[in-house]
Amino acid sequence: MVIFGLIAFALLMSTLFAIERKLGKVNEQNKEIIELLKEQNK
């Protein structure tokens, strides 16, 4: 049972890590888009 718990925990952590990385990339893209819009509005 302990091994099963460790595997489940590892899967959960890796999933959260992957989601966090995707969100980070989205945030970077949003910042770039905002900068482009600011440039166009000048």
N, C-alpha and C. Protein backbone atom coordinates (compact mmCIF):
# COMPACT_ATOMS: atom_id res chain seq x y z
N MET A 1 0.83 -1.22 0.00
CA MET A 1 0.00 0.00 0.00
C MET A 1 0.86 1.26 0.00
N VAL A 2 1.99 1.21 0.71
CA VAL A 2 2.86 2.39 0.77
C VAL A 2 3.38 2.73 -0.62
N ILE A 3 3.79 1.69 -1.37
CA ILE A 3 4.31 1.92 -2.72
C ILE A 3 3.24 2.54 -3.61
N PHE A 4 2.02 2.02 -3.51
CA PHE A 4 0.91 2.56 -4.31
C PHE A 4 0.69 4.03 -3.99
N GLY A 5 0.75 4.36 -2.71
CA GLY A 5 0.57 5.76 -2.29
C GLY A 5 1.66 6.65 -2.85
N LEU A 6 2.90 6.16 -2.84
CA LEU A 6 4.02 6.94 -3.38
C LEU A 6 3.85 7.17 -4.88
N ILE A 7 3.43 6.13 -5.60
CA ILE A 7 3.22 6.26 -7.05
C ILE A 7 2.12 7.28 -7.33
N ALA A 8 1.01 7.20 -6.60
CA ALA A 8 -0.09 8.14 -6.79
C ALA A 8 0.38 9.57 -6.50
N PHE A 9 1.17 9.74 -5.45
CA PHE A 9 1.68 11.06 -5.08
C PHE A 9 2.60 11.60 -6.18
N ALA A 10 3.48 10.74 -6.71
CA ALA A 10 4.40 11.15 -7.77
C ALA A 10 3.64 11.57 -9.02
N LEU A 11 2.61 10.82 -9.38
CA LEU A 11 1.80 11.17 -10.55
C LEU A 11 1.11 12.51 -10.35
N LEU A 12 0.57 12.72 -9.16
CA LEU A 12 -0.11 13.98 -8.86
C LEU A 12 0.86 15.15 -8.98
N MET A 13 2.05 15.00 -8.39
CA MET A 13 3.05 16.07 -8.42
C MET A 13 3.49 16.37 -9.85
N SER A 14 3.73 15.33 -10.66
CA SER A 14 4.17 15.55 -12.03
C SER A 14 3.08 16.23 -12.85
N THR A 15 1.83 15.87 -12.59
CA THR A 15 0.71 16.51 -13.29
C THR A 15 0.62 17.98 -12.93
N LEU A 16 0.73 18.28 -11.62
CA LEU A 16 0.68 19.68 -11.18
C LEU A 16 1.84 20.47 -11.77
N PHE A 17 3.02 19.85 -11.83
CA PHE A 17 4.19 20.52 -12.38
C PHE A 17 3.98 20.84 -13.85
N ALA A 18 3.42 19.88 -14.61
CA ALA A 18 3.16 20.10 -16.03
C ALA A 18 2.16 21.23 -16.23
N ILE A 19 1.10 21.25 -15.42
CA ILE A 19 0.09 22.31 -15.52
C ILE A 19 0.72 23.66 -15.21
N GLU A 20 1.56 23.70 -14.19
CA GLU A 20 2.21 24.95 -13.80
C GLU A 20 3.08 25.48 -14.93
N ARG A 21 3.82 24.57 -15.60
CA ARG A 21 4.67 24.98 -16.71
C ARG A 21 3.84 25.53 -17.86
N LYS A 22 2.71 24.88 -18.17
CA LYS A 22 1.83 25.37 -19.24
C LYS A 22 1.30 26.75 -18.90
N LEU A 23 0.88 26.94 -17.65
CA LEU A 23 0.37 28.25 -17.23
C LEU A 23 1.46 29.31 -17.35
N GLY A 24 2.69 28.95 -17.01
CA GLY A 24 3.80 29.89 -17.12
C GLY A 24 4.01 30.31 -18.56
N LYS A 25 3.93 29.36 -19.49
CA LYS A 25 4.10 29.68 -20.91
C LYS A 25 2.97 30.59 -21.38
N VAL A 26 1.75 30.31 -20.95
CA VAL A 26 0.60 31.13 -21.33
C VAL A 26 0.79 32.56 -20.82
N ASN A 27 1.26 32.70 -19.59
CA ASN A 27 1.50 34.03 -19.02
C ASN A 27 2.53 34.79 -19.83
N GLU A 28 3.60 34.11 -20.26
CA GLU A 28 4.63 34.77 -21.07
C GLU A 28 4.05 35.23 -22.40
N GLN A 29 3.24 34.38 -23.03
CA GLN A 29 2.62 34.74 -24.30
C GLN A 29 1.69 35.93 -24.11
N ASN A 30 0.93 35.95 -23.02
CA ASN A 30 0.03 37.07 -22.75
C ASN A 30 0.81 38.37 -22.59
N LYS A 31 1.94 38.31 -21.90
CA LYS A 31 2.77 39.50 -21.72
C LYS A 31 3.25 40.02 -23.07
N GLU A 32 3.68 39.09 -23.94
CA GLU A 32 4.15 39.49 -25.27
C GLU A 32 3.02 40.15 -26.06
N ILE A 33 1.82 39.57 -25.99
CA ILE A 33 0.67 40.12 -26.71
C ILE A 33 0.35 41.52 -26.19
N ILE A 34 0.37 41.68 -24.86
CA ILE A 34 0.09 43.00 -24.27
C ILE A 34 1.12 44.02 -24.74
N GLU A 35 2.39 43.62 -24.79
CA GLU A 35 3.44 44.54 -25.25
C GLU A 35 3.19 44.94 -26.71
N LEU A 36 2.82 43.97 -27.54
CA LEU A 36 2.55 44.26 -28.95
C LEU A 36 1.38 45.23 -29.08
N LEU A 37 0.33 45.03 -28.29
CA LEU A 37 -0.82 45.92 -28.34
C LEU A 37 -0.43 47.33 -27.90
N LYS A 38 0.41 47.43 -26.89
CA LYS A 38 0.86 48.75 -26.42
C LYS A 38 1.63 49.46 -27.53
N GLU A 39 2.48 48.70 -28.23
CA GLU A 39 3.26 49.29 -29.33
C GLU A 39 2.33 49.82 -30.43
N GLN A 40 1.29 49.06 -30.75
CA GLN A 40 0.37 49.47 -31.81
C GLN A 40 -0.44 50.69 -31.40
N ASN A 41 -0.73 50.83 -30.12
CA ASN A 41 -1.56 51.95 -29.66
C ASN A 41 -0.80 53.27 -29.62
N LYS A 42 0.53 53.21 -29.67
CA LYS A 42 1.32 54.45 -29.61
C LYS A 42 1.14 55.27 -30.87
